[in-house]
Amino acid sequence: MVSAMEGKNTQRWNRFEMVLMVAGLLSPAIATATEPVLPAGSSSQVVSLVEVMLKLGLVLALILAAGWLVRRLQNGKRGTSKTLEILDVLPVGPKDRILLVRAGNTQLLVGSTPGRLTALHEMQQPISFAEHARKQLEEQAA
C-alpha cells in the first residue's frame, strides 16, 4: 500500500516537472538533479505513523465502548425480591445513607456505609406513603 502511494506521488512530481520543463521554467541543471529534497522513505514513515495512530485510536475507542456496554448491561440486572423493597433513601454524606426498607410486613430503618449495613430502628407502625404524600400536598397548598 505504501509503495503504491509512493508511485503515485512520483508520477505526480514527474508530470509537474514535465510541465515546468515544457514551459521553460526549469533550467537543464535543475531538471537533471535527482537528489530528493526529503530523505528517502520519510513520506512512507509519516504515512505509517499516521496509520498506526489511527489504528491505536480505533482500538482504544472499541475498548471504551465495550466497557460502557458491559457497565450498562450490568446495571439492568439488579436483584429483585418479592419480600424486600427499598421504600425511601436519605443521603447523609457522600457515601452514607439511611434506607427505609420493607421486609414482608415490617419496615426497618437501615444505615448504609461503604463497608457496613446497620439496623437502626424497627418501625412499630408502618409509614403509609399515600398518607405522607397527601400531607405534603396539603402543606404545599397552604
N, C-alpha and C. Protein backbone atom coordinates (compact mmCIF):
# COMPACT_ATOMS: atom_id res chain seq x y z
N MET A 1 0.83 -1.19 0.00
CA MET A 1 0.00 0.00 0.00
C MET A 1 0.87 1.25 0.00
N VAL A 2 1.93 1.23 0.77
CA VAL A 2 2.80 2.40 0.85
C VAL A 2 3.53 2.58 -0.48
N SER A 3 3.99 1.49 -1.09
CA SER A 3 4.72 1.59 -2.35
C SER A 3 3.81 2.14 -3.46
N ALA A 4 2.55 1.80 -3.44
CA ALA A 4 1.61 2.32 -4.43
C ALA A 4 1.46 3.83 -4.27
N MET A 5 1.41 4.29 -2.99
CA MET A 5 1.29 5.73 -2.76
C MET A 5 2.55 6.46 -3.21
N GLU A 6 3.72 5.85 -2.95
CA GLU A 6 4.97 6.47 -3.40
C GLU A 6 4.99 6.55 -4.92
N GLY A 7 4.51 5.51 -5.58
CA GLY A 7 4.47 5.51 -7.04
C GLY A 7 3.58 6.62 -7.58
N LYS A 8 2.44 6.82 -6.94
CA LYS A 8 1.52 7.89 -7.38
C LYS A 8 2.16 9.25 -7.18
N ASN A 9 2.81 9.45 -6.00
CA ASN A 9 3.48 10.73 -5.75
C ASN A 9 4.60 10.97 -6.75
N THR A 10 5.36 9.93 -7.08
CA THR A 10 6.44 10.07 -8.05
C THR A 10 5.89 10.44 -9.41
N GLN A 11 4.78 9.82 -9.80
CA GLN A 11 4.16 10.13 -11.09
C GLN A 11 3.69 11.58 -11.12
N ARG A 12 3.13 12.05 -10.01
CA ARG A 12 2.66 13.45 -9.97
C ARG A 12 3.82 14.42 -10.12
N TRP A 13 4.94 14.12 -9.38
CA TRP A 13 6.09 15.01 -9.49
C TRP A 13 6.68 14.97 -10.90
N ASN A 14 6.72 13.80 -11.52
CA ASN A 14 7.23 13.70 -12.89
C ASN A 14 6.38 14.53 -13.85
N ARG A 15 5.07 14.47 -13.70
CA ARG A 15 4.19 15.28 -14.55
C ARG A 15 4.43 16.77 -14.32
N PHE A 16 4.57 17.14 -13.02
CA PHE A 16 4.79 18.54 -12.68
C PHE A 16 6.11 19.04 -13.29
N GLU A 17 7.17 18.22 -13.20
CA GLU A 17 8.46 18.60 -13.78
C GLU A 17 8.35 18.72 -15.30
N MET A 18 7.60 17.84 -15.92
CA MET A 18 7.43 17.90 -17.37
C MET A 18 6.74 19.20 -17.77
N VAL A 19 5.71 19.58 -17.02
CA VAL A 19 5.00 20.81 -17.34
C VAL A 19 5.93 22.01 -17.20
N LEU A 20 6.73 22.03 -16.10
CA LEU A 20 7.65 23.14 -15.91
C LEU A 20 8.74 23.18 -16.98
N MET A 21 9.23 22.01 -17.37
CA MET A 21 10.25 21.98 -18.42
C MET A 21 9.69 22.49 -19.74
N VAL A 22 8.46 22.06 -20.05
CA VAL A 22 7.84 22.49 -21.29
C VAL A 22 7.63 24.00 -21.26
N ALA A 23 7.26 24.52 -20.12
CA ALA A 23 7.02 25.95 -20.01
C ALA A 23 8.33 26.74 -19.98
N GLY A 24 9.45 26.05 -19.85
CA GLY A 24 10.73 26.74 -19.87
C GLY A 24 11.10 27.34 -18.54
N LEU A 25 10.50 26.90 -17.43
CA LEU A 25 10.79 27.49 -16.12
C LEU A 25 11.94 26.80 -15.40
N LEU A 26 12.31 25.62 -15.86
CA LEU A 26 13.41 24.92 -15.21
C LEU A 26 14.64 24.96 -16.11
N SER A 27 15.76 25.18 -15.54
CA SER A 27 17.00 25.14 -16.33
C SER A 27 17.43 23.69 -16.48
N PRO A 28 18.22 23.36 -17.43
CA PRO A 28 18.66 21.97 -17.61
C PRO A 28 19.41 21.42 -16.39
N ALA A 29 20.12 22.27 -15.67
CA ALA A 29 20.87 21.79 -14.50
C ALA A 29 19.91 21.34 -13.39
N ILE A 30 18.84 22.09 -13.17
CA ILE A 30 17.89 21.73 -12.13
C ILE A 30 17.08 20.53 -12.57
N ALA A 31 16.75 20.47 -13.86
CA ALA A 31 15.93 19.37 -14.37
C ALA A 31 16.66 18.04 -14.26
N THR A 32 17.99 18.03 -14.34
CA THR A 32 18.73 16.77 -14.27
C THR A 32 19.09 16.37 -12.85
N ALA A 33 18.89 17.24 -11.89
CA ALA A 33 19.20 16.90 -10.49
C ALA A 33 18.25 15.81 -10.02
N THR A 34 18.79 14.78 -9.41
CA THR A 34 17.97 13.65 -8.98
C THR A 34 17.92 13.51 -7.47
N GLU A 35 18.59 14.38 -6.74
CA GLU A 35 18.60 14.28 -5.27
C GLU A 35 17.28 14.79 -4.72
N PRO A 36 16.55 13.96 -3.98
CA PRO A 36 15.27 14.42 -3.43
C PRO A 36 15.48 15.41 -2.27
N VAL A 37 14.48 16.26 -2.08
CA VAL A 37 14.54 17.25 -1.01
C VAL A 37 14.41 16.58 0.36
N LEU A 38 13.48 15.62 0.47
CA LEU A 38 13.28 14.88 1.72
C LEU A 38 14.13 13.62 1.69
N PRO A 39 14.56 13.14 2.87
CA PRO A 39 15.31 11.88 2.90
C PRO A 39 14.45 10.75 2.35
N ALA A 40 15.11 9.76 1.79
CA ALA A 40 14.39 8.63 1.18
C ALA A 40 13.56 7.91 2.22
N GLY A 41 12.31 7.64 1.89
CA GLY A 41 11.43 6.89 2.77
C GLY A 41 10.75 7.70 3.85
N SER A 42 11.02 9.01 3.95
CA SER A 42 10.42 9.80 5.04
C SER A 42 8.91 9.95 4.87
N SER A 43 8.43 10.07 3.63
CA SER A 43 6.99 10.18 3.43
C SER A 43 6.29 8.88 3.79
N SER A 44 6.93 7.74 3.50
CA SER A 44 6.32 6.47 3.86
C SER A 44 6.31 6.28 5.37
N GLN A 45 7.31 6.83 6.06
CA GLN A 45 7.34 6.74 7.52
C GLN A 45 6.22 7.57 8.13
N VAL A 46 5.96 8.73 7.57
CA VAL A 46 4.87 9.58 8.07
C VAL A 46 3.53 8.89 7.86
N VAL A 47 3.35 8.31 6.68
CA VAL A 47 2.10 7.60 6.39
C VAL A 47 1.93 6.42 7.34
N SER A 48 3.01 5.68 7.58
CA SER A 48 2.95 4.54 8.50
C SER A 48 2.60 5.00 9.91
N LEU A 49 3.19 6.09 10.35
CA LEU A 49 2.92 6.61 11.69
C LEU A 49 1.45 7.03 11.82
N VAL A 50 0.93 7.68 10.80
CA VAL A 50 -0.47 8.10 10.82
C VAL A 50 -1.39 6.88 10.86
N GLU A 51 -1.07 5.86 10.07
CA GLU A 51 -1.88 4.63 10.08
C GLU A 51 -1.87 3.97 11.46
N VAL A 52 -0.70 3.88 12.08
CA VAL A 52 -0.59 3.27 13.41
C VAL A 52 -1.39 4.06 14.43
N MET A 53 -1.32 5.38 14.37
CA MET A 53 -2.05 6.21 15.33
C MET A 53 -3.56 6.05 15.14
N LEU A 54 -4.03 6.00 13.91
CA LEU A 54 -5.45 5.80 13.65
C LEU A 54 -5.92 4.44 14.15
N LYS A 55 -5.13 3.41 13.92
CA LYS A 55 -5.50 2.08 14.40
C LYS A 55 -5.50 2.01 15.92
N LEU A 56 -4.53 2.66 16.55
CA LEU A 56 -4.49 2.71 18.01
C LEU A 56 -5.72 3.43 18.56
N GLY A 57 -6.10 4.53 17.93
CA GLY A 57 -7.31 5.25 18.34
C GLY A 57 -8.56 4.40 18.19
N LEU A 58 -8.63 3.62 17.12
CA LEU A 58 -9.76 2.74 16.91
C LEU A 58 -9.83 1.66 17.99
N VAL A 59 -8.69 1.08 18.34
CA VAL A 59 -8.66 0.06 19.39
C VAL A 59 -9.09 0.65 20.73
N LEU A 60 -8.59 1.84 21.07
CA LEU A 60 -8.98 2.49 22.32
C LEU A 60 -10.47 2.80 22.34
N ALA A 61 -11.01 3.24 21.23
CA ALA A 61 -12.45 3.53 21.15
C ALA A 61 -13.27 2.26 21.35
N LEU A 62 -12.81 1.15 20.77
CA LEU A 62 -13.51 -0.13 20.95
C LEU A 62 -13.46 -0.59 22.41
N ILE A 63 -12.33 -0.41 23.07
CA ILE A 63 -12.22 -0.79 24.48
C ILE A 63 -13.17 0.04 25.34
N LEU A 64 -13.21 1.34 25.10
CA LEU A 64 -14.11 2.21 25.87
C LEU A 64 -15.57 1.86 25.60
N ALA A 65 -15.91 1.58 24.35
CA ALA A 65 -17.29 1.21 24.02
C ALA A 65 -17.67 -0.11 24.68
N ALA A 66 -16.75 -1.08 24.71
CA ALA A 66 -17.04 -2.36 25.36
C ALA A 66 -17.24 -2.18 26.86
N GLY A 67 -16.41 -1.35 27.49
CA GLY A 67 -16.58 -1.08 28.92
C GLY A 67 -17.91 -0.42 29.22
N TRP A 68 -18.29 0.55 28.40
CA TRP A 68 -19.57 1.23 28.60
C TRP A 68 -20.72 0.24 28.45
N LEU A 69 -20.63 -0.63 27.44
CA LEU A 69 -21.70 -1.59 27.20
C LEU A 69 -21.83 -2.59 28.35
N VAL A 70 -20.71 -3.08 28.87
CA VAL A 70 -20.75 -4.02 29.99
C VAL A 70 -21.36 -3.36 31.22
N ARG A 71 -20.94 -2.13 31.51
CA ARG A 71 -21.50 -1.41 32.66
C ARG A 71 -22.99 -1.19 32.49
N ARG A 72 -23.40 -0.85 31.29
CA ARG A 72 -24.82 -0.60 31.00
C ARG A 72 -25.66 -1.86 31.19
N LEU A 73 -25.14 -3.00 30.74
CA LEU A 73 -25.87 -4.25 30.86
C LEU A 73 -25.93 -4.73 32.31
N GLN A 74 -24.88 -4.49 33.10
CA GLN A 74 -24.88 -4.93 34.49
C GLN A 74 -25.85 -4.12 35.33
N ASN A 75 -26.03 -2.84 35.02
CA ASN A 75 -26.96 -2.02 35.79
C ASN A 75 -28.40 -2.49 35.63
N GLY A 76 -28.73 -3.09 34.53
CA GLY A 76 -30.09 -3.57 34.30
C GLY A 76 -30.40 -4.86 35.03
N LYS A 77 -29.40 -5.54 35.57
CA LYS A 77 -29.60 -6.84 36.20
C LYS A 77 -29.47 -6.77 37.72
N ARG A 78 -30.07 -5.82 38.33
CA ARG A 78 -30.06 -5.74 39.78
C ARG A 78 -31.01 -6.78 40.34
N GLY A 79 -30.71 -7.23 41.56
CA GLY A 79 -31.54 -8.24 42.19
C GLY A 79 -32.93 -7.71 42.50
N THR A 80 -33.92 -8.52 42.28
CA THR A 80 -35.30 -8.16 42.62
C THR A 80 -35.82 -9.17 43.62
N SER A 81 -36.70 -8.71 44.49
CA SER A 81 -37.24 -9.57 45.53
C SER A 81 -38.71 -9.24 45.73
N LYS A 82 -39.48 -10.26 46.05
CA LYS A 82 -40.90 -10.04 46.32
C LYS A 82 -41.12 -9.64 47.78
N THR A 83 -40.15 -9.95 48.65
CA THR A 83 -40.35 -9.68 50.07
C THR A 83 -39.55 -8.49 50.58
N LEU A 84 -38.52 -8.07 49.87
CA LEU A 84 -37.72 -6.91 50.28
C LEU A 84 -37.90 -5.78 49.28
N GLU A 85 -38.00 -4.55 49.83
CA GLU A 85 -38.17 -3.39 48.96
C GLU A 85 -37.61 -2.16 49.66
N ILE A 86 -36.85 -1.36 48.93
CA ILE A 86 -36.35 -0.09 49.47
C ILE A 86 -37.42 0.95 49.20
N LEU A 87 -37.99 1.49 50.27
CA LEU A 87 -39.10 2.44 50.13
C LEU A 87 -38.61 3.87 49.98
N ASP A 88 -37.52 4.21 50.69
CA ASP A 88 -37.03 5.59 50.64
C ASP A 88 -35.55 5.59 50.98
N VAL A 89 -34.83 6.60 50.49
CA VAL A 89 -33.40 6.75 50.74
C VAL A 89 -33.13 8.20 51.12
N LEU A 90 -32.35 8.38 52.20
CA LEU A 90 -31.95 9.72 52.63
C LEU A 90 -30.43 9.77 52.69
N PRO A 91 -29.78 10.49 51.76
CA PRO A 91 -28.32 10.62 51.82
C PRO A 91 -27.92 11.48 53.02
N VAL A 92 -26.96 11.01 53.81
CA VAL A 92 -26.49 11.78 54.96
C VAL A 92 -25.01 12.10 54.83
N GLY A 93 -24.39 11.73 53.76
CA GLY A 93 -22.98 12.00 53.50
C GLY A 93 -22.66 11.60 52.08
N PRO A 94 -21.40 11.77 51.67
CA PRO A 94 -21.04 11.41 50.29
C PRO A 94 -21.31 9.94 49.95
N LYS A 95 -21.11 9.04 50.93
CA LYS A 95 -21.33 7.62 50.67
C LYS A 95 -22.23 6.98 51.72
N ASP A 96 -22.77 7.76 52.61
CA ASP A 96 -23.61 7.23 53.69
C ASP A 96 -25.07 7.57 53.45
N ARG A 97 -25.95 6.58 53.73
CA ARG A 97 -27.37 6.77 53.51
C ARG A 97 -28.17 6.10 54.62
N ILE A 98 -29.39 6.60 54.78
CA ILE A 98 -30.36 5.93 55.64
C ILE A 98 -31.45 5.42 54.72
N LEU A 99 -31.75 4.12 54.84
CA LEU A 99 -32.72 3.47 53.98
C LEU A 99 -33.94 3.07 54.79
N LEU A 100 -35.10 3.25 54.21
CA LEU A 100 -36.33 2.71 54.77
C LEU A 100 -36.65 1.47 53.93
N VAL A 101 -36.58 0.30 54.58
CA VAL A 101 -36.72 -0.98 53.89
C VAL A 101 -37.95 -1.70 54.40
N ARG A 102 -38.71 -2.26 53.47
CA ARG A 102 -39.84 -3.10 53.86
C ARG A 102 -39.42 -4.55 53.68
N ALA A 103 -39.52 -5.32 54.76
CA ALA A 103 -39.22 -6.74 54.74
C ALA A 103 -40.50 -7.46 55.16
N GLY A 104 -41.23 -7.97 54.20
CA GLY A 104 -42.53 -8.58 54.50
C GLY A 104 -43.50 -7.48 54.93
N ASN A 105 -44.02 -7.57 56.17
CA ASN A 105 -44.93 -6.56 56.71
C ASN A 105 -44.22 -5.60 57.65
N THR A 106 -42.91 -5.70 57.78
CA THR A 106 -42.13 -4.89 58.72
C THR A 106 -41.34 -3.84 57.95
N GLN A 107 -41.28 -2.63 58.52
CA GLN A 107 -40.45 -1.59 57.95
C GLN A 107 -39.27 -1.34 58.89
N LEU A 108 -38.07 -1.23 58.29
CA LEU A 108 -36.85 -1.04 59.06
C LEU A 108 -36.12 0.19 58.55
N LEU A 109 -35.48 0.94 59.49
CA LEU A 109 -34.53 1.97 59.11
C LEU A 109 -33.15 1.33 59.16
N VAL A 110 -32.42 1.44 58.07
CA VAL A 110 -31.10 0.81 57.96
C VAL A 110 -30.09 1.88 57.59
N GLY A 111 -28.96 1.90 58.31
CA GLY A 111 -27.86 2.79 57.98
C GLY A 111 -26.92 2.09 57.02
N SER A 112 -26.56 2.76 55.95
CA SER A 112 -25.70 2.16 54.93
C SER A 112 -24.43 2.99 54.79
N THR A 113 -23.27 2.34 55.00
CA THR A 113 -21.96 2.95 54.77
C THR A 113 -21.24 2.07 53.75
N PRO A 114 -20.12 2.51 53.20
CA PRO A 114 -19.46 1.69 52.19
C PRO A 114 -19.11 0.27 52.65
N GLY A 115 -18.83 0.07 53.91
CA GLY A 115 -18.43 -1.26 54.35
C GLY A 115 -19.40 -1.94 55.29
N ARG A 116 -20.56 -1.33 55.53
CA ARG A 116 -21.41 -1.90 56.58
C ARG A 116 -22.87 -1.47 56.42
N LEU A 117 -23.79 -2.38 56.82
CA LEU A 117 -25.22 -2.08 56.95
C LEU A 117 -25.58 -2.26 58.42
N THR A 118 -26.30 -1.30 58.98
CA THR A 118 -26.67 -1.36 60.39
C THR A 118 -28.16 -1.13 60.54
N ALA A 119 -28.86 -2.03 61.23
CA ALA A 119 -30.29 -1.83 61.52
C ALA A 119 -30.39 -0.74 62.58
N LEU A 120 -31.08 0.36 62.27
CA LEU A 120 -31.20 1.49 63.19
C LEU A 120 -32.48 1.42 64.03
N HIS A 121 -33.58 1.04 63.39
CA HIS A 121 -34.86 1.06 64.10
C HIS A 121 -35.88 0.21 63.35
N GLU A 122 -36.73 -0.49 64.11
CA GLU A 122 -37.85 -1.21 63.52
C GLU A 122 -39.09 -0.38 63.77
N MET A 123 -39.79 -0.04 62.70
CA MET A 123 -40.96 0.83 62.82
C MET A 123 -42.11 0.04 63.45
N GLN A 124 -42.73 0.61 64.49
CA GLN A 124 -43.87 -0.04 65.14
C GLN A 124 -45.12 0.09 64.26
N GLN A 125 -45.28 1.27 63.68
CA GLN A 125 -46.39 1.49 62.74
C GLN A 125 -45.79 1.80 61.37
N PRO A 126 -46.07 0.96 60.40
CA PRO A 126 -45.51 1.20 59.06
C PRO A 126 -45.95 2.56 58.51
N ILE A 127 -45.06 3.21 57.81
CA ILE A 127 -45.35 4.51 57.20
C ILE A 127 -46.16 4.28 55.93
N SER A 128 -47.28 4.97 55.82
CA SER A 128 -48.11 4.89 54.63
C SER A 128 -47.70 6.04 53.71
N PHE A 129 -47.19 5.71 52.55
CA PHE A 129 -46.72 6.76 51.66
C PHE A 129 -47.85 7.54 51.02
N ALA A 130 -49.00 6.94 50.85
CA ALA A 130 -50.15 7.67 50.31
C ALA A 130 -50.56 8.77 51.28
N GLU A 131 -50.60 8.45 52.57
CA GLU A 131 -50.95 9.44 53.59
C GLU A 131 -49.87 10.52 53.68
N HIS A 132 -48.60 10.11 53.59
CA HIS A 132 -47.48 11.04 53.65
C HIS A 132 -47.52 12.01 52.46
N ALA A 133 -47.81 11.51 51.28
CA ALA A 133 -47.90 12.36 50.09
C ALA A 133 -49.06 13.34 50.20
N ARG A 134 -50.19 12.88 50.73
CA ARG A 134 -51.35 13.76 50.91
C ARG A 134 -51.01 14.90 51.85
N LYS A 135 -50.31 14.63 52.97
CA LYS A 135 -49.92 15.67 53.92
C LYS A 135 -48.98 16.68 53.28
N GLN A 136 -48.04 16.20 52.46
CA GLN A 136 -47.13 17.12 51.79
C GLN A 136 -47.88 18.03 50.82
N LEU A 137 -48.84 17.50 50.09
CA LEU A 137 -49.63 18.33 49.18
C LEU A 137 -50.44 19.38 49.93
N GLU A 138 -50.98 18.98 51.08
CA GLU A 138 -51.75 19.95 51.90
C GLU A 138 -50.85 21.06 52.41
N GLU A 139 -49.63 20.72 52.82
CA GLU A 139 -48.68 21.73 53.31
C GLU A 139 -48.27 22.68 52.19
N GLN A 140 -48.07 22.16 50.98
CA GLN A 140 -47.68 22.99 49.85
C GLN A 140 -48.82 23.91 49.42
N ALA A 141 -50.06 23.46 49.53
CA ALA A 141 -51.21 24.25 49.12
C ALA A 141 -51.49 25.38 50.11
N ALA A 142 -51.12 25.18 51.36
CA ALA A 142 -51.41 26.18 52.39
C ALA A 142 -50.44 27.33 52.38
